Amino acid sequence: MIPLPEHELVFSFTRSSGPGGQNVNKTATKVVLRWAVACSDAIPEAVRERFLTRHARRVTRDGEVVLTSDRTRERERNMTDVRAKLAALLAEVALAPKRRRPTKPGPGARERRLDGKRVQAAKKRGRGAVLPEQD
């Protein structure tokens, strides 16, 4: 996991539409997290590029990621939840994907493929037109 400095994370709180009954009408428990990923120095350049590519639809024009949480009735638990969401997004792109080594099918695989084609061809040949019987 990549630790992010607190000064890069901007939290705001609004009224929630989640659980809480009538209490949600008077308390601001929904957490909105904004993080300027485009100008963050906390993550390596390669990770930033993968993040911006992978999660492009979550990034605003200003280069900010906006995440929200209103799952619970408590502000602190929603803050923990929104941080976990951000950590999960970063964990997806933290490790570089393995480069694919091009391979070719082995001799056994080629033989099985050709055997299957022979069986299919014989099946199709057997479906030919029926000739009338000659006496």
C-alpha atoms as a PDB file:
ATOM      1  CA  MET A   1       0.000   0.000   0.000  1.00  0.00           C
ATOM      2  CA  ILE A   2       1.192   3.494  -0.809  1.00  0.00           C
ATOM      3  CA  PRO A   3       0.915   5.917   2.147  1.00  0.00           C
ATOM      4  CA  LEU A   4      -0.524   9.302   1.210  1.00  0.00           C
ATOM      5  CA  PRO A   5       0.271  12.438   3.219  1.00  0.00           C
ATOM      6  CA  GLU A   6      -2.710  13.936   5.036  1.00  0.00           C
ATOM      7  CA  HIS A   7      -2.190  17.384   3.526  1.00  0.00           C
ATOM      8  CA  GLU A   8      -2.995  15.982   0.041  1.00  0.00           C
ATOM      9  CA  LEU A   9      -6.384  14.626   1.136  1.00  0.00           C
ATOM     10  CA  VAL A  10      -9.257  17.087   1.381  1.00  0.00           C
ATOM     11  CA  PHE A  11     -12.320  15.951   3.304  1.00  0.00           C
ATOM     12  CA  SER A  12     -15.730  17.602   3.275  1.00  0.00           C
ATOM     13  CA  PHE A  13     -18.925  16.520   4.969  1.00  0.00           C
ATOM     14  CA  THR A  14     -22.526  16.757   3.797  1.00  0.00           C
ATOM     15  CA  ARG A  15     -25.877  15.372   4.777  1.00  0.00           C
ATOM     16  CA  SER A  16     -26.190  11.731   3.990  1.00  0.00           C
ATOM     17  CA  SER A  17     -28.830   9.800   2.132  1.00  0.00           C
ATOM     18  CA  GLY A  18     -27.691   6.564   3.776  1.00  0.00           C
ATOM     19  CA  PRO A  19     -28.786   4.918   7.020  1.00  0.00           C
ATOM     20  CA  GLY A  20     -29.727   6.997  10.031  1.00  0.00           C
ATOM     21  CA  GLY A  21     -33.457   7.590   9.877  1.00  0.00           C
ATOM     22  CA  GLN A  22     -34.542  11.132  10.707  1.00  0.00           C
ATOM     23  CA  ASN A  23     -31.082  11.810  12.122  1.00  0.00           C
ATOM     24  CA  VAL A  24     -29.651  12.122   8.580  1.00  0.00           C
ATOM     25  CA  ASN A  25     -31.682  15.300   8.123  1.00  0.00           C
ATOM     26  CA  LYS A  26     -29.681  17.135  10.758  1.00  0.00           C
ATOM     27  CA  THR A  27     -26.181  15.636  10.784  1.00  0.00           C
ATOM     28  CA  ALA A  28     -23.472  15.768   8.126  1.00  0.00           C
ATOM     29  CA  THR A  29     -22.146  12.206   8.102  1.00  0.00           C
ATOM     30  CA  LYS A  30     -21.503  11.715   4.389  1.00  0.00           C
ATOM     31  CA  VAL A  31     -17.775  12.026   3.640  1.00  0.00           C
ATOM     32  CA  VAL A  32     -16.457  13.389   0.347  1.00  0.00           C
ATOM     33  CA  LEU A  33     -12.746  12.830  -0.274  1.00  0.00           C
ATOM     34  CA  ARG A  34     -10.846  14.822  -2.900  1.00  0.00           C
ATOM     35  CA  TRP A  35      -7.291  13.922  -3.864  1.00  0.00           C
ATOM     36  CA  ALA A  36      -5.330  15.721  -6.579  1.00  0.00           C
ATOM     37  CA  VAL A  37      -3.736  12.677  -8.158  1.00  0.00           C
ATOM     38  CA  ALA A  38      -2.403  14.614 -11.168  1.00  0.00           C
ATOM     39  CA  CYS A  39      -0.093  16.772  -9.060  1.00  0.00           C
ATOM     40  CA  SER A  40       0.626  14.399  -6.167  1.00  0.00           C
ATOM     41  CA  ASP A  41       4.254  13.819  -5.231  1.00  0.00           C
ATOM     42  CA  ALA A  42       3.402  10.911  -2.945  1.00  0.00           C
ATOM     43  CA  ILE A  43       3.199   8.284  -5.675  1.00  0.00           C
ATOM     44  CA  PRO A  44       5.746   7.324  -8.343  1.00  0.00           C
ATOM     45  CA  GLU A  45       5.191   8.580 -11.882  1.00  0.00           C
ATOM     46  CA  ALA A  46       4.555   5.067 -13.263  1.00  0.00           C
ATOM     47  CA  VAL A  47       1.866   4.400 -10.652  1.00  0.00           C
ATOM     48  CA  ARG A  48       0.263   7.783 -11.381  1.00  0.00           C
ATOM     49  CA  GLU A  49       0.106   7.007 -15.111  1.00  0.00           C
ATOM     50  CA  ARG A  50      -1.450   3.589 -14.474  1.00  0.00           C
ATOM     51  CA  PHE A  51      -3.939   5.165 -12.046  1.00  0.00           C
ATOM     52  CA  LEU A  52      -4.977   7.863 -14.516  1.00  0.00           C
ATOM     53  CA  THR A  53      -5.347   5.293 -17.292  1.00  0.00           C
ATOM     54  CA  ARG A  54      -7.170   2.661 -15.272  1.00  0.00           C
ATOM     55  CA  HIS A  55      -9.497   5.023 -13.367  1.00  0.00           C
ATOM     56  CA  ALA A  56      -9.860   7.800 -15.941  1.00  0.00           C
ATOM     57  CA  ARG A  57     -13.615   8.113 -15.475  1.00  0.00           C
ATOM     58  CA  ARG A  58     -13.162   8.786 -11.752  1.00  0.00           C
ATOM     59  CA  VAL A  59     -10.763  11.686 -12.356  1.00  0.00           C
ATOM     60  CA  THR A  60     -12.136  15.208 -12.887  1.00  0.00           C
ATOM     61  CA  ARG A  61     -10.841  17.693 -15.459  1.00  0.00           C
ATOM     62  CA  ASP A  62      -8.748  19.265 -12.704  1.00  0.00           C
ATOM     63  CA  GLY A  63      -6.990  15.941 -12.064  1.00  0.00           C
ATOM     64  CA  GLU A  64      -8.793  15.162  -8.799  1.00  0.00           C
ATOM     65  CA  VAL A  65     -10.271  11.900  -7.644  1.00  0.00           C
ATOM     66  CA  VAL A  66     -13.571  12.370  -5.820  1.00  0.00           C
ATOM     67  CA  LEU A  67     -14.784   9.519  -3.599  1.00  0.00           C
ATOM     68  CA  THR A  68     -17.779   9.469  -1.263  1.00  0.00           C
ATOM     69  CA  SER A  69     -19.059   7.264   1.521  1.00  0.00           C
ATOM     70  CA  ASP A  70     -22.381   7.321   3.351  1.00  0.00           C
ATOM     71  CA  ARG A  71     -22.630   3.653   4.271  1.00  0.00           C
ATOM     72  CA  THR A  72     -22.812   4.174   8.013  1.00  0.00           C
ATOM     73  CA  ARG A  73     -24.408   6.595  10.476  1.00  0.00           C
ATOM     74  CA  GLU A  74     -21.045   7.769  11.821  1.00  0.00           C
ATOM     75  CA  ARG A  75     -18.706  10.272  10.216  1.00  0.00           C
ATOM     76  CA  GLU A  76     -15.537   8.538  11.470  1.00  0.00           C
ATOM     77  CA  ARG A  77     -16.561   5.161  10.050  1.00  0.00           C
ATOM     78  CA  ASN A  78     -17.396   6.795   6.724  1.00  0.00           C
ATOM     79  CA  MET A  79     -13.945   8.441   6.726  1.00  0.00           C
ATOM     80  CA  THR A  80     -12.360   5.043   7.291  1.00  0.00           C
ATOM     81  CA  ASP A  81     -14.486   3.585   4.498  1.00  0.00           C
ATOM     82  CA  VAL A  82     -13.580   6.272   1.959  1.00  0.00           C
ATOM     83  CA  ARG A  83      -9.876   5.879   2.794  1.00  0.00           C
ATOM     84  CA  ALA A  84     -10.217   2.136   2.250  1.00  0.00           C
ATOM     85  CA  LYS A  85     -11.810   2.812  -1.153  1.00  0.00           C
ATOM     86  CA  LEU A  86      -8.869   5.006  -2.151  1.00  0.00           C
ATOM     87  CA  ALA A  87      -6.392   2.416  -0.863  1.00  0.00           C
ATOM     88  CA  ALA A  88      -8.125  -0.268  -2.941  1.00  0.00           C
ATOM     89  CA  LEU A  89      -7.910   1.873  -6.081  1.00  0.00           C
ATOM     90  CA  LEU A  90      -4.211   2.477  -5.466  1.00  0.00           C
ATOM     91  CA  ALA A  91      -3.555  -1.198  -4.717  1.00  0.00           C
ATOM     92  CA  GLU A  92      -4.963  -2.145  -8.131  1.00  0.00           C
ATOM     93  CA  VAL A  93      -2.295  -0.127  -9.918  1.00  0.00           C
ATOM     94  CA  ALA A  94       0.582  -0.291  -7.418  1.00  0.00           C
ATOM     95  CA  LEU A  95       2.285  -3.267  -9.057  1.00  0.00           C
ATOM     96  CA  ALA A  96       3.234  -3.146 -12.705  1.00  0.00           C
ATOM     97  CA  PRO A  97       1.513  -5.839 -14.774  1.00  0.00           C
ATOM     98  CA  LYS A  98       3.689  -8.717 -15.923  1.00  0.00           C
ATOM     99  CA  ARG A  99       4.808  -8.537 -19.511  1.00  0.00           C
ATOM    100  CA  ARG A 100       3.326 -11.315 -21.610  1.00  0.00           C
ATOM    101  CA  ARG A 101       5.833 -13.618 -23.214  1.00  0.00           C
ATOM    102  CA  PRO A 102       4.493 -14.708 -26.602  1.00  0.00           C
ATOM    103  CA  THR A 103       4.205 -18.482 -26.813  1.00  0.00           C
ATOM    104  CA  LYS A 104       3.213 -21.003 -29.464  1.00  0.00           C
ATOM    105  CA  PRO A 105       1.072 -24.113 -29.004  1.00  0.00           C
ATOM    106  CA  GLY A 106       3.020 -27.297 -28.403  1.00  0.00           C
ATOM    107  CA  PRO A 107       2.962 -30.358 -30.656  1.00  0.00           C
ATOM    108  CA  GLY A 108       0.323 -32.117 -28.532  1.00  0.00           C
ATOM    109  CA  ALA A 109      -2.027 -29.133 -28.707  1.00  0.00           C
ATOM    110  CA  ARG A 110      -1.578 -28.906 -32.481  1.00  0.00           C
ATOM    111  CA  GLU A 111      -2.353 -32.620 -32.877  1.00  0.00           C
ATOM    112  CA  ARG A 112      -5.496 -32.359 -30.703  1.00  0.00           C
ATOM    113  CA  ARG A 113      -6.694 -29.388 -32.754  1.00  0.00           C
ATOM    114  CA  LEU A 114      -6.171 -31.249 -36.043  1.00  0.00           C
ATOM    115  CA  ASP A 115      -7.888 -34.381 -34.669  1.00  0.00           C
ATOM    116  CA  GLY A 116     -10.893 -32.273 -33.721  1.00  0.00           C
ATOM    117  CA  LYS A 117     -10.994 -30.789 -37.207  1.00  0.00           C
ATOM    118  CA  ARG A 118     -10.889 -34.294 -38.758  1.00  0.00           C
ATOM    119  CA  VAL A 119     -13.782 -35.486 -36.570  1.00  0.00           C
ATOM    120  CA  GLN A 120     -15.830 -32.391 -37.460  1.00  0.00           C
ATOM    121  CA  ALA A 121     -15.098 -32.830 -41.190  1.00  0.00           C
ATOM    122  CA  ALA A 122     -16.170 -36.493 -41.081  1.00  0.00           C
ATOM    123  CA  LYS A 123     -19.383 -35.521 -39.292  1.00  0.00           C
ATOM    124  CA  LYS A 124     -20.156 -32.914 -41.976  1.00  0.00           C
ATOM    125  CA  ARG A 125     -19.325 -35.351 -44.821  1.00  0.00           C
ATOM    126  CA  GLY A 126     -21.824 -37.808 -43.363  1.00  0.00           C
ATOM    127  CA  ARG A 127     -24.587 -35.211 -43.716  1.00  0.00           C
ATOM    128  CA  GLY A 128     -24.436 -35.133 -47.525  1.00  0.00           C
ATOM    129  CA  ALA A 129     -27.421 -35.471 -49.833  1.00  0.00           C
ATOM    130  CA  VAL A 130     -29.067 -38.891 -49.939  1.00  0.00           C
ATOM    131  CA  LEU A 131     -29.042 -40.398 -53.417  1.00  0.00           C
ATOM    132  CA  PRO A 132     -32.148 -42.253 -54.597  1.00  0.00           C
ATOM    133  CA  GLU A 133     -31.857 -46.030 -54.674  1.00  0.00           C
ATOM    134  CA  GLN A 134     -31.413 -47.550 -58.131  1.00  0.00           C
ATOM    135  CA  ASP A 135     -32.920 -50.947 -58.878  1.00  0.00           C
END
